[in-house]
Amino acid sequence: MATDALAGLELVARLIFLVSTLLMLFIRLTKMMHAKYLLLATGVSTVSFFLFLVVAIVRDKGTPTLSIEFARRILTDENLIYIAYGVAVFRQPKAIVLVLPQIITCVLGLGKLYRSHLSVFPRVFSTPTVVKVFKQLNTYDAEIHMVRASLEAAVLFHLILGLFVGGSTIISLLLYTNFIRLK
């Protein structure tokens, strides 16, 4: 019962992340709306990103305890590693290259959640089109991970170039290289 509640919270956080991130990119690319909407969408996107990662860790690994074995289990978790990614790019201007790995991580997590906790998804997710999309997501899982890895390498080059032209800091670059090393 508690895992279903956590899965539902994770689903809501992931969907809010996707919607707010796509809205943020739309506002940023079209510049059709006031900057305060960009700030709002960016804030909601960031909070929901960290929220769905933390909830996924608690749902997968259980209630946090102060033990060595829990620390071992959690240190190898992909979601914890992506928290490090989020911290590394948190203060950067939200370029497409920075948010694409986050979007792919969110979609991959939605696929896992769909396979393991189908009961928490609304009925709209049981339409034939959505079922087909999730089957394709499952079929091409390895390829999607490779695309995400390539995008993560592009982020490294983006941060290095940002050091020379502005928009990036040495702290962000160091945090990001630690993220790459953790992976």
Protein backbone atom coordinates (compact mmCIF):
# COMPACT_ATOMS: atom_id res chain seq x y z
CA MET A 1 0.00 0.00 0.00
CA ALA A 2 2.77 2.44 0.91
CA THR A 3 4.68 1.57 -2.27
CA ASP A 4 1.57 2.34 -4.33
CA ALA A 5 1.28 5.73 -2.63
CA LEU A 6 4.96 6.42 -3.31
CA ALA A 7 4.55 5.22 -6.90
CA GLY A 8 1.58 7.58 -7.31
CA LEU A 9 3.58 10.49 -5.91
CA GLU A 10 6.48 9.62 -8.19
CA LEU A 11 4.14 9.46 -11.19
CA VAL A 12 2.70 12.89 -10.40
CA ALA A 13 6.18 14.39 -9.91
CA ARG A 14 7.42 12.89 -13.19
CA LEU A 15 4.42 14.17 -15.14
CA ILE A 16 4.74 17.64 -13.58
CA PHE A 17 8.43 17.60 -14.48
CA LEU A 18 7.71 16.72 -18.11
CA VAL A 19 5.01 19.34 -18.52
CA SER A 20 6.93 22.12 -16.75
CA THR A 21 10.17 21.33 -18.59
CA LEU A 22 8.49 21.32 -21.98
CA LEU A 23 6.75 24.58 -21.08
CA MET A 24 10.07 26.04 -19.93
CA LEU A 25 11.73 25.08 -23.23
CA PHE A 26 8.79 26.49 -25.20
CA ILE A 27 8.97 29.80 -23.35
CA ARG A 28 12.73 29.94 -23.71
CA LEU A 29 12.74 29.17 -27.43
CA THR A 30 9.77 31.30 -28.50
CA LYS A 31 10.16 34.17 -26.00
CA MET A 32 6.40 34.65 -26.32
CA MET A 33 5.73 34.89 -22.59
CA HIS A 34 7.03 37.12 -19.82
CA ALA A 35 10.25 36.09 -18.05
CA LYS A 36 8.40 35.46 -14.78
CA TYR A 37 6.67 32.48 -16.42
CA LEU A 38 10.05 31.13 -17.43
CA LEU A 39 11.25 31.44 -13.84
CA LEU A 40 8.12 29.71 -12.56
CA ALA A 41 8.39 26.85 -15.07
CA THR A 42 12.10 26.46 -14.30
CA GLY A 43 11.45 26.35 -10.54
CA VAL A 44 8.65 23.81 -10.86
CA SER A 45 10.78 21.71 -13.21
CA THR A 46 13.74 21.70 -10.83
CA VAL A 47 11.69 20.89 -7.72
CA SER A 48 9.77 18.11 -9.43
CA PHE A 49 13.02 16.65 -10.84
CA PHE A 50 14.55 16.30 -7.40
CA LEU A 51 11.23 15.14 -5.93
CA PHE A 52 10.73 12.26 -8.33
CA LEU A 53 14.33 11.13 -7.87
CA VAL A 54 14.07 11.11 -4.06
CA VAL A 55 10.68 9.37 -4.13
CA ALA A 56 12.02 6.77 -6.57
CA ILE A 57 14.95 6.06 -4.24
CA VAL A 58 12.67 5.65 -1.22
CA ARG A 59 10.24 3.49 -3.22
CA ASP A 60 13.01 1.24 -4.59
CA LYS A 61 15.32 1.02 -1.57
CA GLY A 62 12.91 1.39 1.35
CA THR A 63 12.91 3.71 4.32
CA PRO A 64 16.33 5.31 4.83
CA THR A 65 18.34 3.86 7.70
CA LEU A 66 21.76 4.65 9.10
CA SER A 67 23.46 1.42 8.11
CA ILE A 68 26.32 0.42 5.87
CA GLU A 69 24.21 -1.97 3.82
CA PHE A 70 21.60 0.72 3.08
CA ALA A 71 24.42 3.08 2.06
CA ARG A 72 25.80 0.41 -0.30
CA ARG A 73 22.38 -0.13 -1.87
CA ILE A 74 21.70 3.55 -2.33
CA LEU A 75 25.15 4.56 -3.64
CA THR A 76 24.70 2.39 -6.73
CA ASP A 77 21.21 3.69 -7.47
CA GLU A 78 20.86 5.54 -10.77
CA ASN A 79 18.44 8.03 -9.21
CA LEU A 80 21.02 9.13 -6.63
CA ILE A 81 23.54 9.63 -9.41
CA TYR A 82 21.02 11.82 -11.24
CA ILE A 83 20.61 13.93 -8.13
CA ALA A 84 24.32 14.68 -8.55
CA TYR A 85 23.58 15.63 -12.17
CA GLY A 86 20.79 17.95 -11.07
CA VAL A 87 23.08 19.64 -8.56
CA ALA A 88 25.79 20.07 -11.21
CA VAL A 89 23.51 21.83 -13.69
CA PHE A 90 21.19 23.51 -11.17
CA ARG A 91 22.57 27.04 -11.57
CA GLN A 92 23.19 26.81 -15.31
CA PRO A 93 20.91 28.54 -17.82
CA LYS A 94 18.52 25.82 -18.94
CA ALA A 95 19.75 24.99 -22.44
CA ILE A 96 18.20 22.12 -24.37
CA VAL A 97 21.40 20.10 -24.11
CA LEU A 98 21.19 20.27 -20.30
CA VAL A 99 17.56 19.19 -19.94
CA LEU A 100 17.44 16.43 -22.56
CA PRO A 101 19.24 13.88 -20.32
CA GLN A 102 16.81 14.81 -17.53
CA ILE A 103 13.82 14.32 -19.83
CA ILE A 104 15.14 10.95 -21.00
CA THR A 105 15.75 9.89 -17.39
CA CYS A 106 12.19 10.89 -16.52
CA VAL A 107 10.73 8.97 -19.47
CA LEU A 108 12.81 5.87 -18.69
CA GLY A 109 11.59 6.04 -15.09
CA LEU A 110 8.00 6.36 -16.32
CA GLY A 111 8.53 3.17 -18.32
CA LYS A 112 9.82 1.32 -15.24
CA LEU A 113 6.95 2.67 -13.18
CA TYR A 114 4.48 1.60 -15.86
CA ARG A 115 5.83 -1.96 -15.81
CA SER A 116 5.90 -2.30 -12.02
CA HIS A 117 2.94 -0.17 -10.82
CA LEU A 118 0.40 -0.04 -13.62
CA SER A 119 -2.42 0.35 -11.10
CA VAL A 120 -1.36 3.92 -10.16
CA PHE A 121 -1.61 5.18 -13.74
CA PRO A 122 -4.82 6.92 -14.82
CA ARG A 123 -7.04 5.17 -17.36
CA VAL A 124 -5.80 7.42 -20.15
CA PHE A 125 -2.51 5.49 -19.96
CA SER A 126 -4.27 2.25 -20.91
CA THR A 127 -5.22 3.39 -24.40
CA PRO A 128 -3.70 1.29 -27.22
CA THR A 129 -1.47 4.15 -28.37
CA VAL A 130 0.04 4.73 -24.93
CA VAL A 131 0.49 0.98 -24.36
CA LYS A 132 2.31 0.77 -27.70
CA VAL A 133 4.57 3.70 -26.73
CA PHE A 134 5.52 2.03 -23.44
CA LYS A 135 6.19 -1.28 -25.26
CA GLN A 136 8.48 0.54 -27.68
CA LEU A 137 10.18 2.23 -24.75
CA ASN A 138 10.80 -1.19 -23.22
CA THR A 139 12.02 -2.63 -26.53
CA TYR A 140 14.55 0.14 -27.19
CA ASP A 141 15.69 0.59 -23.59
CA ALA A 142 19.39 -0.03 -24.32
CA GLU A 143 19.40 2.33 -27.30
CA ILE A 144 17.70 5.06 -25.26
CA HIS A 145 20.36 4.67 -22.56
CA MET A 146 23.04 5.08 -25.25
CA VAL A 147 21.41 8.28 -26.52
CA ARG A 148 21.29 9.60 -22.97
CA ALA A 149 24.99 8.77 -22.50
CA SER A 150 25.85 10.64 -25.70
CA LEU A 151 23.86 13.64 -24.52
CA GLU A 152 25.67 13.54 -21.18
CA ALA A 153 28.97 13.73 -23.07
CA ALA A 154 27.60 16.73 -24.99
CA VAL A 155 26.75 18.38 -21.66
CA LEU A 156 30.40 18.07 -20.64
CA PHE A 157 31.50 19.90 -23.79
CA HIS A 158 28.76 22.48 -23.23
CA LEU A 159 30.06 23.17 -19.72
CA ILE A 160 33.68 23.37 -20.91
CA LEU A 161 32.76 25.83 -23.67
CA GLY A 162 30.67 27.75 -21.16
CA LEU A 163 33.80 28.35 -19.09
CA PHE A 164 35.35 30.30 -21.96
CA VAL A 165 32.32 32.20 -23.21
CA GLY A 166 30.49 32.63 -19.91
CA GLY A 167 27.43 30.88 -18.61
CA SER A 168 29.28 28.08 -16.85
CA THR A 169 31.36 27.90 -13.70
CA ILE A 170 34.28 25.76 -12.65
CA ILE A 171 32.20 24.44 -9.74
CA SER A 172 29.51 23.17 -12.13
CA LEU A 173 32.16 21.54 -14.29
CA LEU A 174 33.76 19.83 -11.27
CA LEU A 175 30.38 18.63 -10.01
CA TYR A 176 29.52 17.33 -13.45
CA THR A 177 32.80 15.45 -13.83
CA ASN A 178 32.08 13.81 -10.48
CA PHE A 179 28.65 12.83 -11.83
CA ILE A 180 30.31 11.25 -14.87
CA ARG A 181 32.76 9.43 -12.62
CA LEU A 182 29.91 8.06 -10.48
CA LYS A 183 28.24 6.65 -13.56
